[in-house]
Amino acid sequence: MSEIKFYSGEQVPLEMHKVRMVQRVYLLPVEERAQRIQIAGYNTFLLQNKDIFLDMLTDSGVNAMSENQYASMLQADDSYAGSETYYRLEAVLKDMFGMEYFLPAHQGRACEHILARLLVKPDSVAVMNYHFTTSKAHIYAMGGTVEEIIIDEGLHINSDLPFKGNMDISKLEEAIARLGKEKISFIRIEAGTNLIGGQPVSMENMRQASKICRRAGIPLVFDASLLSDNLYFIKVREAEYKDTDVIEITREIGSLMDVIYFSARKLGAARGGGILTSDRGMFLQMREMIPLYEGFLTYGGMSVREMEAMSIGLRESLDMDIINQTPIFVEVLCNELIKKGIPVVTPPGGLGCHVDARQFCSHLSQDEYPAGALAAALYLAAGVRGMERGTLSEQRNPDGTEAVSKMELVRLAFPKRVFTLSQVKYVADRLTWLYENRSLIGGLEFEDEPKVLRFFFGRLKPKGNWPNALIRKFREDFGESL
């Protein structure tokens, strides 16, 4: 996208692509939306796509692919072993990151599984700027634990700090001194940090962390799933890189890391994933696991057609006119909401606009899952599906008590090249109405609570009859017609 100044003087984001294929969406009446969210157990993950107007749950696997990606799928080499498709993908990734070895996997959490099996020992600690749900689950499954050392300001809802995802370097040094090399399974940097608002990590912070890890002899692992947004922020917020080609930035990142893994459902706008390293010993150990858990070494559980699309998508992720759309749209929505006094994470990050549900629903306690309740209320009010990123996304403590999240957010994700500005304005309008009627939103409680990753398929029910009260108010204000 480009920022274009109109004759009126208004600065408007202008898409640098045109739409050549469309998908019909439907906006159900509010009463039907009430039925659908009840059937889904007030969990937006369990809604059916046919019942959703704007799906802002995630950008994972739902980014719009380019014409070149679709065209590339026709040249896929459908061989079980030795596919040319694999070697084309390998060449792109080696060029992009400068790392010697590549192993394919079917998606990002599959990479996390392989890495956890390789590096995590019982009672070991994985130190990271901030956890992601599946990365944490794999570490705990192997008997390890997680220690987060994000900078303090990373957990502040409002800030003007450009890189709130940064690791606290003094805390990193202290953790290594306190725990010792043998106790630490690996150090992990996620760029940008999904659960705290898609906040980016600076190159300078990566350099400092890399220097410390190499001095201590501890593997530095980089989750590159949200890298494209982070590349945009390095270019526009880190003065040193203003005039640096994006591919040079990715190569520098590769030179700092021992392992890079990614979900191509995010990075590359396809479906798959992979692990990169220049450490031959680590590569050989991981190589044994790919046929066991994923598939053969030249497809790793992926369709070769998706691998061809990934190769093109990765190249496109180095194009600023492509990777800047999500951060710009996030900023547009955040600014619209800020004008109305609606609490959001600032500065606007990547991935999506993150609404602060703890402040939005300040009348609810965190054990009433305010972010989950707000996500359900937004579907009722707008037919928009967002994702809870708060206490509901955590896992209970071993003694059964609630693990209260440090942030209570509703994420409104922006898949690349999917939404229009008018749709963004619609979301802002319905959120404004909801904010003015926020006292009607009540809490949730579990009816069916899985022990692991409960936010994916747990079922909840409202505490009281607040959905009906919200529907009545909606009809009073909007009438029988939407």
Protein backbone atom coordinates (compact mmCIF):
# COMPACT_ATOMS: atom_id res chain seq x y z
CA MET A 1 0.00 0.00 0.00
CA SER A 2 0.98 3.62 -0.42
CA GLU A 3 -0.08 6.69 1.52
CA ILE A 4 -1.60 9.01 -1.11
CA LYS A 5 -2.57 12.61 -0.46
CA PHE A 6 -5.95 13.34 -2.05
CA TYR A 7 -6.86 16.71 -3.54
CA SER A 8 -9.06 17.24 -0.46
CA GLY A 9 -5.93 17.06 1.66
CA GLU A 10 -6.88 13.75 3.27
CA GLN A 11 -4.16 11.08 3.58
CA VAL A 12 -5.66 7.80 2.40
CA PRO A 13 -4.03 4.33 2.25
CA LEU A 14 -4.16 3.19 -1.37
CA GLU A 15 -4.04 -0.53 -2.21
CA MET A 16 -1.36 -1.37 -4.77
CA HIS A 17 -3.31 -4.31 -6.15
CA LYS A 18 -6.67 -4.93 -7.78
CA VAL A 19 -9.24 -7.58 -6.92
CA ARG A 20 -9.78 -10.18 -9.66
CA MET A 21 -11.67 -12.85 -7.72
CA VAL A 22 -14.24 -12.35 -4.96
CA GLN A 23 -16.00 -14.46 -2.36
CA ARG A 24 -19.57 -13.72 -1.32
CA VAL A 25 -20.13 -12.96 2.38
CA TYR A 26 -23.40 -12.78 4.27
CA LEU A 27 -24.55 -10.65 7.19
CA LEU A 28 -27.11 -12.63 9.17
CA PRO A 29 -29.87 -10.88 11.16
CA VAL A 30 -28.94 -10.35 14.80
CA GLU A 31 -31.36 -13.04 16.05
CA GLU A 32 -29.71 -15.62 13.82
CA ARG A 33 -26.29 -14.51 15.00
CA ALA A 34 -27.50 -15.07 18.56
CA GLN A 35 -28.45 -18.65 17.67
CA ARG A 36 -25.11 -19.31 15.97
CA ILE A 37 -22.97 -18.05 18.86
CA GLN A 38 -25.05 -20.07 21.33
CA ILE A 39 -24.57 -23.22 19.24
CA ALA A 40 -20.82 -22.41 19.17
CA GLY A 41 -20.68 -22.31 22.96
CA TYR A 42 -19.85 -18.57 22.87
CA ASN A 43 -16.46 -19.52 21.47
CA THR A 44 -15.75 -17.72 18.18
CA PHE A 45 -13.44 -20.58 17.13
CA LEU A 46 -16.49 -22.85 16.90
CA LEU A 47 -18.51 -20.58 14.59
CA GLN A 48 -19.00 -21.81 11.03
CA ASN A 49 -17.56 -19.57 8.35
CA LYS A 50 -20.90 -19.39 6.51
CA ASP A 51 -22.35 -17.54 9.51
CA ILE A 52 -19.64 -14.86 9.61
CA PHE A 53 -19.66 -11.50 7.80
CA LEU A 54 -16.03 -10.44 8.37
CA ASP A 55 -13.63 -13.09 9.64
CA MET A 56 -10.96 -11.34 11.69
CA LEU A 57 -10.11 -14.37 13.81
CA THR A 58 -6.61 -14.76 12.38
CA ASP A 59 -4.35 -14.20 9.39
CA SER A 60 -3.24 -17.83 9.54
CA GLY A 61 -3.98 -19.65 6.31
CA VAL A 62 -6.54 -17.06 5.16
CA ASN A 63 -4.35 -14.49 3.42
CA ALA A 64 -5.31 -13.82 -0.19
CA MET A 65 -2.84 -15.39 -2.62
CA SER A 66 -1.55 -13.55 -5.67
CA GLU A 67 -2.07 -14.52 -9.30
CA ASN A 68 1.58 -15.61 -9.44
CA GLN A 69 1.07 -17.93 -6.49
CA TYR A 70 -1.91 -19.60 -8.14
CA ALA A 71 -0.03 -19.89 -11.43
CA SER A 72 2.99 -21.47 -9.71
CA MET A 73 0.84 -24.30 -8.36
CA LEU A 74 0.46 -25.68 -11.88
CA GLN A 75 4.19 -26.46 -12.13
CA ALA A 76 4.31 -28.51 -8.92
CA ASP A 77 6.42 -31.67 -9.10
CA ASP A 78 4.26 -34.27 -7.39
CA SER A 79 7.05 -36.69 -6.41
CA TYR A 80 7.20 -38.40 -3.04
CA ALA A 81 10.98 -38.02 -2.86
CA GLY A 82 13.33 -35.60 -4.59
CA SER A 83 10.64 -33.23 -5.82
CA GLU A 84 11.90 -30.21 -7.77
CA THR A 85 9.26 -28.21 -5.91
CA TYR A 86 11.18 -28.78 -2.69
CA TYR A 87 14.46 -27.62 -4.19
CA ARG A 88 12.86 -24.44 -5.52
CA LEU A 89 11.48 -23.68 -2.04
CA GLU A 90 14.79 -24.52 -0.40
CA ALA A 91 16.62 -22.13 -2.74
CA VAL A 92 14.23 -19.27 -1.92
CA LEU A 93 14.65 -19.76 1.83
CA LYS A 94 18.43 -20.08 1.67
CA ASP A 95 18.62 -16.89 -0.36
CA MET A 96 16.24 -15.13 2.00
CA PHE A 97 17.93 -16.03 5.30
CA GLY A 98 21.41 -17.20 4.29
CA MET A 99 21.05 -20.38 6.37
CA GLU A 100 22.41 -23.68 5.06
CA TYR A 101 19.79 -26.28 5.99
CA PHE A 102 16.01 -26.39 5.55
CA LEU A 103 13.49 -28.93 6.81
CA PRO A 104 9.82 -28.77 5.74
CA ALA A 105 6.90 -29.23 8.14
CA HIS A 106 3.17 -28.97 7.64
CA GLN A 107 2.76 -25.80 9.76
CA GLY A 108 4.33 -23.70 12.50
CA ARG A 109 3.24 -25.76 15.48
CA ALA A 110 4.73 -28.84 13.81
CA CYS A 111 8.05 -26.99 13.81
CA GLU A 112 7.55 -26.19 17.50
CA HIS A 113 6.94 -29.89 18.15
CA ILE A 114 10.20 -30.89 16.46
CA LEU A 115 12.19 -28.19 18.27
CA ALA A 116 10.67 -29.06 21.64
CA ARG A 117 11.58 -32.73 21.18
CA LEU A 118 15.12 -31.78 20.25
CA LEU A 119 15.85 -29.11 22.85
CA VAL A 120 13.47 -29.37 25.82
CA LYS A 121 14.40 -31.64 28.73
CA PRO A 122 12.32 -32.22 31.87
CA ASP A 123 12.62 -29.26 34.28
CA SER A 124 14.42 -27.14 31.69
CA VAL A 125 13.40 -23.53 31.01
CA ALA A 126 12.76 -21.88 27.65
CA VAL A 127 13.44 -18.15 27.98
CA MET A 128 11.61 -15.86 25.55
CA ASN A 129 10.37 -12.36 25.00
CA TYR A 130 6.79 -13.64 25.20
CA HIS A 131 5.12 -16.99 24.74
CA PHE A 132 2.71 -18.12 22.08
CA THR A 133 -0.01 -20.61 23.02
CA THR A 134 1.22 -23.56 20.96
CA SER A 135 4.92 -22.95 21.59
CA LYS A 136 4.24 -22.97 25.34
CA ALA A 137 2.06 -26.09 25.09
CA HIS A 138 4.81 -28.07 23.30
CA ILE A 139 7.42 -27.01 25.87
CA TYR A 140 5.19 -28.01 28.78
CA ALA A 141 4.35 -31.32 27.07
CA MET A 142 8.06 -32.18 27.13
CA GLY A 143 8.35 -31.34 30.84
CA GLY A 144 9.82 -27.87 30.47
CA THR A 145 8.61 -24.44 31.57
CA VAL A 146 8.64 -20.93 30.09
CA GLU A 147 10.11 -17.72 31.47
CA GLU A 148 9.12 -14.45 29.79
CA ILE A 149 11.54 -11.53 29.79
CA ILE A 150 9.84 -8.96 27.63
CA ILE A 151 10.61 -5.32 28.44
CA ASP A 152 8.26 -3.92 31.07
CA GLU A 153 6.68 -1.48 28.61
CA GLY A 154 5.69 -4.40 26.40
CA LEU A 155 2.88 -5.13 28.85
CA HIS A 156 1.63 -1.53 28.94
CA ILE A 157 -1.52 -1.11 26.87
CA ASN A 158 -0.63 2.43 25.81
CA SER A 159 2.83 3.53 24.82
CA ASP A 160 4.73 5.34 22.10
CA LEU A 161 7.66 2.92 22.25
CA PRO A 162 8.21 1.65 18.67
CA PHE A 163 9.46 -1.85 19.60
CA LYS A 164 7.40 -3.12 22.54
CA GLY A 165 8.20 -6.72 21.63
CA ASN A 166 11.86 -6.34 22.61
CA MET A 167 13.49 -8.73 25.02
CA ASP A 168 14.81 -7.13 28.22
CA ILE A 169 18.55 -7.65 27.77
CA SER A 170 19.39 -7.17 31.45
CA LYS A 171 16.74 -9.78 32.37
CA LEU A 172 18.24 -12.13 29.77
CA GLU A 173 21.69 -11.84 31.32
CA GLU A 174 20.22 -12.30 34.80
CA ALA A 175 18.24 -15.40 33.74
CA ILE A 176 21.34 -17.02 32.24
CA ALA A 177 23.37 -16.26 35.38
CA ARG A 178 20.61 -17.54 37.68
CA LEU A 179 19.57 -20.65 35.76
CA GLY A 180 22.86 -21.62 34.14
CA LYS A 181 23.46 -22.86 30.61
CA GLU A 182 22.47 -26.47 31.33
CA LYS A 183 19.07 -25.49 32.71
CA ILE A 184 18.06 -23.38 29.69
CA SER A 185 16.69 -25.35 26.75
CA PHE A 186 16.81 -22.39 24.35
CA ILE A 187 16.21 -18.66 24.05
CA ARG A 188 13.29 -17.74 21.78
CA ILE A 189 12.45 -14.47 20.06
CA GLU A 190 9.02 -14.05 18.53
CA ALA A 191 8.75 -11.19 16.06
CA GLY A 192 6.22 -9.73 16.41
CA THR A 193 4.72 -10.79 19.66
CA ASN A 194 1.28 -12.22 18.92
CA LEU A 195 -0.33 -12.21 22.36
CA ILE A 196 0.55 -8.63 23.35
CA GLY A 197 -0.69 -6.85 20.26
CA GLY A 198 1.58 -7.88 17.40
CA GLN A 199 4.34 -5.65 18.76
CA PRO A 200 7.63 -5.76 16.81
CA VAL A 201 11.22 -6.51 17.84
CA SER A 202 14.07 -4.24 16.74
CA MET A 203 17.14 -5.46 14.90
CA GLU A 204 19.32 -3.92 17.59
CA ASN A 205 17.54 -6.00 20.23
CA MET A 206 18.13 -9.15 18.16
CA ARG A 207 21.82 -8.28 17.84
CA GLN A 208 22.22 -7.88 21.59
CA ALA A 209 20.39 -11.11 22.36
CA SER A 210 22.42 -13.01 19.75
CA LYS A 211 25.71 -11.80 21.20
CA ILE A 212 24.73 -12.91 24.70
CA CYS A 213 23.43 -16.32 23.56
CA ARG A 214 26.55 -17.09 21.53
CA ARG A 215 28.80 -16.11 24.39
CA ALA A 216 26.79 -18.39 26.71
CA GLY A 217 26.53 -21.24 24.17
CA ILE A 218 22.71 -21.31 24.27
CA PRO A 219 20.68 -21.80 21.05
CA LEU A 220 18.79 -18.71 19.89
CA VAL A 221 15.51 -19.68 18.18
CA PHE A 222 13.53 -17.21 16.08
CA ASP A 223 9.81 -17.55 15.34
CA ALA A 224 9.47 -15.82 11.96
CA SER A 225 5.76 -16.48 11.45
CA LEU A 226 4.92 -12.76 11.76
CA LEU A 227 8.16 -11.62 10.17
CA SER A 228 6.62 -9.65 7.27
CA ASP A 229 4.97 -7.13 9.61
CA ASN A 230 8.17 -6.93 11.66
CA LEU A 231 10.20 -6.20 8.51
CA TYR A 232 7.87 -3.29 7.78
CA PHE A 233 8.38 -1.87 11.27
CA ILE A 234 12.17 -2.23 11.09
CA LYS A 235 12.09 -0.28 7.82
CA VAL A 236 9.85 2.54 9.08
CA ARG A 237 10.76 2.73 12.80
CA GLU A 238 14.47 1.83 12.95
CA ALA A 239 16.35 4.70 11.32
CA GLU A 240 19.39 2.58 10.48
CA TYR A 241 17.32 0.48 8.05
CA LYS A 242 15.32 3.18 6.29
CA ASP A 243 17.23 2.69 3.03
CA THR A 244 18.11 -1.00 3.42
CA ASP A 245 16.60 -3.57 1.05
CA VAL A 246 14.20 -5.89 2.85
CA ILE A 247 16.12 -8.99 1.77
CA GLU A 248 19.26 -7.60 3.41
CA ILE A 249 17.30 -7.24 6.64
CA THR A 250 16.16 -10.88 6.49
CA ARG A 251 19.71 -12.04 5.81
CA GLU A 252 21.00 -10.12 8.81
CA ILE A 253 18.34 -11.75 10.96
CA GLY A 254 19.45 -15.14 9.63
CA SER A 255 23.06 -14.39 10.58
CA LEU A 256 22.01 -13.73 14.20
CA MET A 257 19.95 -16.87 14.81
CA ASP A 258 20.79 -20.52 15.38
CA VAL A 259 17.34 -21.72 14.31
CA ILE A 260 14.53 -20.01 12.41
CA TYR A 261 11.10 -21.57 12.10
CA PHE A 262 7.89 -20.24 10.62
CA SER A 263 4.29 -20.91 9.74
CA ALA A 264 3.73 -20.26 6.05
CA ARG A 265 0.05 -19.88 6.87
CA LYS A 266 1.25 -16.44 7.97
CA LEU A 267 4.64 -15.84 6.33
CA GLY A 268 4.29 -16.60 2.64
CA ALA A 269 0.48 -16.58 2.45
CA ALA A 270 0.34 -20.33 1.78
CA ARG A 271 -0.09 -23.40 3.98
CA GLY A 272 2.91 -25.11 5.46
CA GLY A 273 6.00 -24.30 7.49
CA GLY A 274 9.65 -25.01 7.93
CA ILE A 275 12.80 -24.95 10.04
CA LEU A 276 16.13 -23.42 9.04
CA THR A 277 19.54 -23.71 10.66
CA SER A 278 23.24 -23.55 9.81
CA ASP A 279 24.11 -25.99 12.63
CA ARG A 280 24.72 -29.36 10.96
CA GLY A 281 24.47 -31.27 14.25
CA MET A 282 21.03 -29.84 15.02
CA PHE A 283 19.95 -30.37 11.43
CA LEU A 284 20.86 -34.08 11.50
CA GLN A 285 18.97 -34.63 14.75
CA MET A 286 15.86 -32.86 13.47
CA ARG A 287 16.10 -34.60 10.10
CA GLU A 288 15.40 -37.95 11.77
CA MET A 289 12.12 -36.61 13.17
CA ILE A 290 10.65 -35.28 9.92
CA PRO A 291 9.81 -38.70 8.38
CA LEU A 292 8.57 -39.88 11.77
CA TYR A 293 6.18 -37.01 12.49
CA GLU A 294 5.70 -35.01 9.29
CA GLY A 295 6.38 -36.87 6.04
CA PHE A 296 9.38 -37.34 3.78
CA LEU A 297 12.22 -34.81 3.78
CA THR A 298 11.19 -33.17 0.53
CA TYR A 299 7.57 -32.47 1.41
CA GLY A 300 7.22 -32.58 5.20
CA GLY A 301 3.48 -33.16 5.24
CA MET A 302 2.75 -30.37 2.76
CA SER A 303 1.06 -30.43 -0.61
CA VAL A 304 3.64 -29.66 -3.31
CA ARG A 305 1.17 -27.15 -4.76
CA GLU A 306 1.21 -25.24 -1.50
CA MET A 307 5.01 -25.41 -1.50
CA GLU A 308 5.12 -23.78 -4.93
CA ALA A 309 2.75 -21.07 -3.72
CA MET A 310 4.90 -20.62 -0.63
CA SER A 311 8.03 -20.03 -2.72
CA ILE A 312 6.32 -17.16 -4.53
CA GLY A 313 4.68 -15.86 -1.34
CA LEU A 314 8.00 -15.70 0.46
CA ARG A 315 9.44 -13.63 -2.38
CA GLU A 316 6.40 -11.36 -2.20
CA SER A 317 6.92 -10.93 1.54
CA LEU A 318 10.03 -8.91 0.63
CA ASP A 319 7.93 -6.34 -1.28
CA MET A 320 7.01 -3.31 0.83
CA ASP A 321 3.88 -2.65 -1.26
CA ILE A 322 2.62 -6.04 -0.11
CA ILE A 323 3.81 -6.29 3.49
CA ASN A 324 2.72 -2.80 4.47
CA GLN A 325 -1.03 -3.32 3.99
CA THR A 326 -1.67 -5.08 7.28
CA PRO A 327 0.20 -2.56 9.48
CA ILE A 328 -1.46 0.34 7.67
CA PHE A 329 -4.98 -1.12 8.00
CA VAL A 330 -4.31 -1.91 11.67
CA GLU A 331 -3.30 1.70 12.21
CA VAL A 332 -6.40 2.98 10.40
CA LEU A 333 -8.75 0.93 12.61
CA CYS A 334 -6.85 1.75 15.80
CA ASN A 335 -6.99 5.47 15.03
CA GLU A 336 -10.74 5.29 14.30
CA LEU A 337 -11.31 3.60 17.67
CA ILE A 338 -9.02 5.95 19.57
CA LYS A 339 -11.07 8.91 18.27
CA LYS A 340 -14.10 7.33 19.97
CA GLY A 341 -12.27 6.74 23.23
CA ILE A 342 -12.17 2.97 22.74
CA PRO A 343 -9.13 1.38 24.45
CA VAL A 344 -6.68 -0.32 22.08
CA VAL A 345 -3.04 -1.37 22.26
CA THR A 346 -0.71 1.41 21.11
CA PRO A 347 1.33 1.98 19.15
CA PRO A 348 -0.60 0.00 16.52
CA GLY A 349 1.33 -3.18 15.79
CA GLY A 350 1.12 -5.88 13.15
CA LEU A 351 -1.28 -8.78 12.66
CA GLY A 352 -4.39 -6.93 13.86
CA CYS A 353 -6.01 -4.23 15.95
CA HIS A 354 -6.05 -5.31 19.60
CA VAL A 355 -8.88 -4.02 21.79
CA ASP A 356 -8.21 -3.86 25.54
CA ALA A 357 -11.09 -5.92 26.91
CA ARG A 358 -10.06 -5.39 30.53
CA GLN A 359 -10.73 -1.66 30.19
CA PHE A 360 -13.59 -2.04 27.68
CA CYS A 361 -15.39 -4.39 30.11
CA SER A 362 -13.98 -2.99 33.34
CA HIS A 363 -17.08 -4.19 35.20
CA LEU A 364 -16.02 -7.81 34.62
CA SER A 365 -13.32 -9.68 36.52
CA GLN A 366 -10.72 -11.66 34.56
CA ASP A 367 -12.13 -14.98 35.75
CA GLU A 368 -15.31 -14.02 33.86
CA TYR A 369 -13.24 -13.99 30.64
CA PRO A 370 -13.94 -10.41 29.52
CA ALA A 371 -12.03 -10.80 26.23
CA GLY A 372 -14.04 -13.90 25.38
CA ALA A 373 -17.26 -12.11 26.30
CA LEU A 374 -16.33 -9.07 24.19
CA ALA A 375 -15.50 -11.29 21.20
CA ALA A 376 -18.92 -12.96 21.51
CA ALA A 377 -20.64 -9.57 21.89
CA LEU A 378 -18.89 -8.24 18.78
CA TYR A 379 -20.19 -11.17 16.76
CA LEU A 380 -23.70 -10.44 18.04
CA ALA A 381 -23.41 -6.74 17.21
CA ALA A 382 -21.63 -6.99 13.86
CA GLY A 383 -21.28 -10.52 12.54
CA VAL A 384 -17.52 -9.98 12.94
CA ARG A 385 -15.39 -12.79 14.30
CA GLY A 386 -12.41 -11.74 16.41
CA MET A 387 -10.17 -13.83 18.65
CA GLU A 388 -9.88 -13.83 22.43
CA ARG A 389 -6.27 -13.29 23.52
CA GLY A 390 -6.47 -13.25 27.30
CA THR A 391 -7.17 -15.50 30.27
CA LEU A 392 -9.29 -17.86 28.18
CA SER A 393 -6.21 -18.49 26.01
CA GLU A 394 -4.16 -19.51 29.04
CA GLN A 395 -4.02 -22.95 30.63
CA ARG A 396 -4.96 -23.59 34.24
CA ASN A 397 -2.21 -23.95 36.84
CA PRO A 398 -1.37 -27.51 37.98
CA ASP A 399 -3.46 -26.97 41.14
CA GLY A 400 -6.52 -26.09 39.04
CA THR A 401 -6.51 -22.36 39.75
CA GLU A 402 -6.98 -19.89 36.93
CA ALA A 403 -3.78 -18.59 35.28
CA VAL A 404 -4.75 -14.96 34.85
CA SER A 405 -3.36 -13.42 31.67
CA LYS A 406 -1.16 -10.34 31.78
CA MET A 407 -3.26 -8.82 29.01
CA GLU A 408 -6.94 -9.24 28.15
CA LEU A 409 -7.29 -8.52 24.43
CA VAL A 410 -9.65 -9.09 21.53
CA ARG A 411 -7.63 -9.38 18.34
CA LEU A 412 -9.14 -8.19 15.08
CA ALA A 413 -6.76 -9.69 12.56
CA PHE A 414 -6.15 -8.37 9.06
CA PRO A 415 -5.38 -11.15 6.58
CA LYS A 416 -3.34 -9.72 3.72
CA ARG A 417 -5.24 -8.34 0.72
CA VAL A 418 -8.65 -9.45 2.03
CA PHE A 419 -10.59 -6.49 3.47
CA THR A 420 -11.55 -3.05 2.17
CA LEU A 421 -11.51 0.33 3.90
CA SER A 422 -15.33 0.43 4.00
CA GLN A 423 -15.29 -2.85 5.92
CA VAL A 424 -12.75 -1.39 8.34
CA LYS A 425 -15.06 1.56 8.94
CA TYR A 426 -18.00 -0.82 9.54
CA VAL A 427 -16.03 -2.62 12.25
CA ALA A 428 -15.19 0.72 13.89
CA ASP A 429 -18.86 1.76 13.80
CA ARG A 430 -20.14 -1.44 15.43
CA LEU A 431 -17.40 -1.38 18.07
CA THR A 432 -18.35 2.22 18.88
CA TRP A 433 -21.98 1.17 19.43
CA LEU A 434 -20.84 -1.74 21.56
CA TYR A 435 -18.58 0.50 23.64
CA GLU A 436 -21.45 2.89 24.33
CA ASN A 437 -23.51 -0.11 25.52
CA ARG A 438 -20.68 -2.02 27.19
CA SER A 439 -22.47 -2.22 30.53
CA LEU A 440 -24.80 -4.78 28.93
CA ILE A 441 -21.94 -7.24 28.30
CA GLY A 442 -21.75 -9.94 30.95
CA GLY A 443 -19.23 -12.65 31.74
CA LEU A 444 -18.78 -16.24 30.57
CA GLU A 445 -18.15 -19.53 32.34
CA PHE A 446 -17.09 -22.93 31.04
CA GLU A 447 -19.55 -25.69 30.27
CA ASP A 448 -16.91 -27.94 28.68
CA GLU A 449 -13.27 -27.12 29.47
CA PRO A 450 -10.45 -29.06 27.77
CA LYS A 451 -7.21 -29.35 29.72
CA VAL A 452 -4.94 -28.21 26.87
CA LEU A 453 -5.50 -25.34 24.40
CA ARG A 454 -9.01 -24.86 25.78
CA PHE A 455 -9.60 -21.71 23.71
CA PHE A 456 -9.67 -23.81 20.53
CA PHE A 457 -12.63 -26.05 21.35
CA GLY A 458 -13.90 -25.27 24.86
CA ARG A 459 -17.59 -24.40 25.23
CA LEU A 460 -18.91 -21.62 27.46
CA LYS A 461 -22.21 -20.12 28.54
CA PRO A 462 -23.17 -16.58 29.54
CA LYS A 463 -23.45 -15.65 33.19
CA GLY A 464 -26.99 -14.34 33.24
CA ASN A 465 -29.10 -13.34 30.26
CA TRP A 466 -26.91 -10.54 28.90
CA PRO A 467 -26.93 -11.64 25.20
CA ASN A 468 -30.71 -11.11 25.04
CA ALA A 469 -30.39 -7.69 26.66
CA LEU A 470 -27.74 -6.75 24.08
CA ILE A 471 -29.98 -7.95 21.21
CA ARG A 472 -32.94 -5.90 22.48
CA LYS A 473 -30.80 -2.77 22.64
CA PHE A 474 -29.43 -3.47 19.16
CA ARG A 475 -32.96 -3.67 17.74
CA GLU A 476 -33.97 -0.46 19.51
CA ASP A 477 -31.07 1.42 17.93
CA PHE A 478 -30.92 -0.19 14.49
CA GLY A 479 -34.54 -1.25 13.96
CA GLU A 480 -35.61 -4.29 11.99
CA SER A 481 -33.22 -3.48 9.16
CA LEU A 482 -29.45 -3.59 9.42
